[in-house]
Amino acid sequence: MPTLRQDAPVFLLDLGDDENRFSPSWLETVHSQLDTVVAYPDPAVLVTVGSGKFYSNGLDLEWLTSNPAQAAQYVADVHELLARVLTLGVHTVAAINGHAFGAGAMLAMAHDFRVMRADRGYYCFPEADINIPFTPGMAALIQGKLTPTAAIASMTTGRRFGGTDARDLGLVDAVAEKPALLEYATDLVRPLAGKDRGTLSAIKTTMFSPAVTALRAK
């Protein structure tokens, strides 16, 4: 399960050491840890990372298949996590340690910055290959962060992008070798600690208003 540790002003949220799929308990734990970051009274920034082979494989399809009556609420809960990270009042960076697929790649996309391993892992939106269309909120999130060319190349093809290709297309901002990944990601956001949180959240909410509105639509 996800764990949170702190080296002020940096909070490091470890998403877990398995596929880090968005089970209801996983979502609840992440929200609780974000609550801790938001409540911290001093300057803070947030780095997220996985500790195994995956950053995140996204939706917990096994749970969803077993609980079809809760599908609508589950999708709404996933949308809320994406919207919350997208508009968080501290700067955020995803240190993509391994595979980021589907909603896991969307979670990374919701961060302010993304740094990916150069030597391992794929960044992929597989929806076109697994016959699961993007929700309007998910599509708006991705399109709010990418150029039209990058959105078409990643959203309609199901292509798996390695770190360098993901950087060249604009899916991620930078790549780093595994030993330097966390340090690179942390150094990227550490100087940004201390911004007024209300102002920062308002700026992000305005910047990505179509995505926020679509993700939080009832």
Protein backbone atom coordinates (compact mmCIF):
# COMPACT_ATOMS: atom_id res chain seq x y z
CA MET A 1 0.00 0.00 0.00
CA PRO A 2 1.13 3.60 -0.45
CA THR A 3 3.37 5.14 2.18
CA LEU A 4 4.40 8.71 2.89
CA ARG A 5 7.68 10.00 4.26
CA GLN A 6 9.13 13.45 4.63
CA ASP A 7 12.47 15.17 4.19
CA ALA A 8 11.34 18.76 4.59
CA PRO A 9 10.22 20.43 2.44
CA VAL A 10 9.85 17.27 0.30
CA PHE A 11 7.08 14.76 0.87
CA LEU A 12 7.72 11.45 -0.89
CA LEU A 13 4.63 9.39 -1.62
CA ASP A 14 5.58 5.81 -2.48
CA LEU A 15 2.65 4.35 -4.41
CA GLY A 16 3.59 0.78 -3.54
CA ASP A 17 5.72 -2.13 -4.68
CA ASP A 18 3.21 -4.05 -6.83
CA GLU A 19 1.14 -2.88 -9.82
CA ASN A 20 -0.23 -0.05 -7.66
CA ARG A 21 -3.70 -0.35 -9.12
CA PHE A 22 -6.41 1.99 -7.93
CA SER A 23 -8.33 -0.25 -5.55
CA PRO A 24 -10.83 1.56 -3.30
CA SER A 25 -8.52 1.09 -0.30
CA TRP A 26 -5.54 2.35 -2.33
CA LEU A 27 -7.48 5.47 -3.33
CA GLU A 28 -8.52 6.07 0.27
CA THR A 29 -4.95 5.74 1.49
CA VAL A 30 -3.58 8.15 -1.13
CA HIS A 31 -6.23 10.74 -0.27
CA SER A 32 -5.34 10.42 3.41
CA GLN A 33 -1.68 11.01 2.63
CA LEU A 34 -2.51 14.01 0.45
CA ASP A 35 -4.47 15.34 3.42
CA THR A 36 -1.24 15.14 5.44
CA VAL A 37 0.68 17.09 2.80
CA VAL A 38 -2.02 19.75 2.52
CA ALA A 39 -2.26 20.15 6.30
CA TYR A 40 1.50 20.59 6.74
CA PRO A 41 1.95 24.19 7.87
CA ASP A 42 5.40 24.81 6.40
CA PRO A 43 6.62 24.93 2.77
CA ALA A 44 6.17 21.62 0.98
CA VAL A 45 6.42 19.88 -2.38
CA LEU A 46 5.31 16.39 -3.38
CA VAL A 47 7.16 13.62 -5.23
CA THR A 48 5.38 10.38 -6.13
CA VAL A 49 7.13 7.16 -7.12
CA GLY A 50 6.62 3.41 -7.15
CA SER A 51 9.09 1.12 -5.44
CA GLY A 52 8.81 -1.91 -7.70
CA LYS A 53 8.45 -2.65 -11.40
CA PHE A 54 5.50 -0.30 -11.82
CA TYR A 55 4.68 3.34 -11.24
CA SER A 56 1.01 2.39 -11.60
CA ASN A 57 -1.10 0.16 -13.82
CA GLY A 58 -4.16 2.29 -13.13
CA LEU A 59 -7.70 1.01 -12.75
CA ASP A 60 -8.30 -2.08 -10.66
CA LEU A 61 -10.21 -3.91 -13.38
CA GLU A 62 -10.47 -7.11 -11.34
CA TRP A 63 -12.23 -5.25 -8.51
CA LEU A 64 -14.37 -3.37 -11.00
CA THR A 65 -15.48 -6.58 -12.71
CA SER A 66 -16.42 -8.06 -9.35
CA ASN A 67 -18.33 -4.96 -8.25
CA PRO A 68 -20.23 -3.71 -11.32
CA ALA A 69 -22.92 -1.99 -9.25
CA GLN A 70 -20.26 0.34 -7.83
CA ALA A 71 -18.69 1.20 -11.19
CA ALA A 72 -20.07 4.73 -11.42
CA GLN A 73 -18.92 5.66 -7.93
CA TYR A 74 -15.54 4.04 -8.53
CA VAL A 75 -14.94 6.06 -11.70
CA ALA A 76 -16.02 9.22 -9.86
CA ASP A 77 -13.50 8.44 -7.11
CA VAL A 78 -10.72 7.98 -9.67
CA HIS A 79 -11.73 11.26 -11.32
CA GLU A 80 -11.56 13.04 -7.97
CA LEU A 81 -8.03 11.83 -7.30
CA LEU A 82 -6.91 13.05 -10.72
CA ALA A 83 -8.60 16.41 -10.19
CA ARG A 84 -7.12 16.77 -6.73
CA VAL A 85 -3.56 16.10 -7.86
CA LEU A 86 -4.06 18.36 -10.87
CA THR A 87 -5.03 21.30 -8.65
CA LEU A 88 -2.97 20.57 -5.52
CA GLY A 89 -1.69 23.67 -3.75
CA VAL A 90 1.91 22.43 -3.72
CA HIS A 91 4.14 21.62 -6.67
CA THR A 92 4.15 17.98 -7.69
CA VAL A 93 6.41 15.72 -9.71
CA ALA A 94 5.92 12.09 -10.74
CA ALA A 95 9.14 10.08 -10.63
CA ILE A 96 8.11 7.33 -13.05
CA ASN A 97 10.18 4.37 -11.91
CA GLY A 98 8.59 1.79 -14.21
CA HIS A 99 5.46 1.09 -16.20
CA ALA A 100 2.74 3.76 -16.16
CA PHE A 101 -0.37 2.50 -17.93
CA GLY A 102 -3.89 3.85 -18.37
CA ALA A 103 -5.12 5.71 -15.32
CA GLY A 104 -1.65 5.30 -13.82
CA ALA A 105 -0.26 7.32 -16.72
CA MET A 106 -3.10 9.81 -16.18
CA LEU A 107 -2.13 10.17 -12.54
CA ALA A 108 1.40 11.02 -13.63
CA MET A 109 -0.05 13.44 -16.20
CA ALA A 110 -1.96 15.23 -13.43
CA HIS A 111 1.34 16.21 -11.77
CA ASP A 112 3.05 19.48 -12.60
CA PHE A 113 6.15 17.65 -13.84
CA ARG A 114 7.11 14.13 -14.88
CA VAL A 115 10.55 12.48 -14.84
CA MET A 116 10.87 8.95 -16.22
CA ARG A 117 13.54 6.29 -16.09
CA ALA A 118 15.55 6.28 -19.28
CA ASP A 119 16.33 2.57 -19.19
CA ARG A 120 13.12 0.82 -18.17
CA GLY A 121 9.36 1.13 -18.21
CA TYR A 122 6.65 2.16 -20.65
CA TYR A 123 4.29 5.12 -20.61
CA CYS A 124 1.08 4.03 -22.30
CA PHE A 125 -2.58 4.82 -22.75
CA PRO A 126 -3.83 1.37 -23.88
CA GLU A 127 -7.50 2.30 -24.13
CA ALA A 128 -7.69 1.90 -27.93
CA ASP A 129 -6.42 -1.67 -27.62
CA ILE A 130 -8.50 -2.77 -24.63
CA ASN A 131 -11.75 -1.21 -25.90
CA ILE A 132 -12.23 1.18 -22.99
CA PRO A 133 -12.92 4.71 -24.29
CA PHE A 134 -11.58 7.65 -22.32
CA THR A 135 -14.10 9.39 -20.12
CA PRO A 136 -14.56 13.09 -20.97
CA GLY A 137 -12.65 14.00 -17.81
CA MET A 138 -9.73 11.72 -18.54
CA ALA A 139 -9.52 12.92 -22.15
CA ALA A 140 -9.64 16.55 -21.03
CA LEU A 141 -6.85 15.95 -18.52
CA ILE A 142 -4.53 14.42 -21.10
CA GLN A 143 -5.38 16.97 -23.79
CA GLY A 144 -4.86 19.79 -21.30
CA LYS A 145 -1.26 18.71 -20.82
CA LEU A 146 -0.25 17.63 -24.33
CA THR A 147 -0.01 19.12 -27.78
CA PRO A 148 -2.67 17.85 -30.23
CA THR A 149 0.02 15.85 -32.01
CA ALA A 150 1.14 14.17 -28.81
CA ALA A 151 -2.45 13.52 -27.72
CA ILE A 152 -3.29 11.77 -31.00
CA ALA A 153 -0.05 9.78 -30.98
CA SER A 154 -0.59 8.54 -27.44
CA MET A 155 -4.38 8.35 -27.04
CA THR A 156 -5.39 6.71 -30.33
CA THR A 157 -2.58 4.21 -30.91
CA GLY A 158 -2.07 2.33 -27.64
CA ARG A 159 1.66 2.74 -28.26
CA ARG A 160 4.09 2.01 -25.44
CA PHE A 161 6.63 4.79 -25.10
CA GLY A 162 9.98 4.21 -23.45
CA GLY A 163 11.47 7.05 -21.45
CA THR A 164 13.38 8.78 -24.25
CA ASP A 165 10.49 8.55 -26.71
CA ALA A 166 8.07 9.76 -24.03
CA ARG A 167 10.29 12.77 -23.41
CA ASP A 168 10.67 13.54 -27.10
CA LEU A 169 6.89 13.46 -27.60
CA GLY A 170 6.27 15.58 -24.50
CA LEU A 171 4.60 12.96 -22.32
CA VAL A 172 7.31 13.52 -19.72
CA ASP A 173 9.61 16.46 -19.08
CA ALA A 174 12.87 14.62 -18.57
CA VAL A 175 14.51 11.22 -18.21
CA ALA A 176 17.07 9.97 -15.73
CA GLU A 177 18.85 6.73 -14.97
CA LYS A 178 17.42 4.78 -12.04
CA PRO A 179 20.01 5.81 -9.42
CA ALA A 180 19.41 9.49 -10.19
CA LEU A 181 15.64 9.41 -10.76
CA LEU A 182 14.47 10.50 -7.33
CA GLU A 183 17.24 13.03 -6.91
CA TYR A 184 16.45 14.57 -10.29
CA ALA A 185 12.73 14.73 -9.52
CA THR A 186 13.30 16.15 -6.06
CA ASP A 187 15.73 18.79 -7.29
CA LEU A 188 13.15 19.85 -9.86
CA VAL A 189 10.53 20.84 -7.30
CA ARG A 190 12.44 21.53 -4.08
CA PRO A 191 13.15 25.18 -5.03
CA LEU A 192 9.41 25.72 -5.59
CA ALA A 193 8.42 25.02 -1.99
CA GLY A 194 6.79 27.95 -0.23
CA LYS A 195 4.43 29.26 -2.89
CA ASP A 196 1.09 30.40 -1.50
CA ARG A 197 -1.08 27.31 -1.71
CA GLY A 198 -4.37 29.04 -2.33
CA THR A 199 -2.88 31.04 -5.17
CA LEU A 200 -1.14 28.05 -6.70
CA SER A 201 -4.26 25.90 -6.54
CA ALA A 202 -6.33 28.69 -8.08
CA ILE A 203 -3.82 29.11 -10.91
CA LYS A 204 -3.89 25.39 -11.68
CA THR A 205 -7.68 25.27 -11.49
CA THR A 206 -7.94 28.13 -13.98
CA MET A 207 -5.24 26.71 -16.27
CA PHE A 208 -6.95 23.34 -16.49
CA SER A 209 -10.54 24.45 -16.03
CA PRO A 210 -12.00 22.19 -18.78
CA ALA A 211 -10.35 19.11 -17.24
CA VAL A 212 -11.30 20.00 -13.67
CA THR A 213 -14.91 20.66 -14.68
CA ALA A 214 -15.15 17.41 -16.66
CA LEU A 215 -13.49 15.33 -13.94
CA ARG A 216 -15.81 16.68 -11.25
CA ALA A 217 -19.00 16.65 -13.32
CA LYS A 218 -21.85 14.83 -11.59
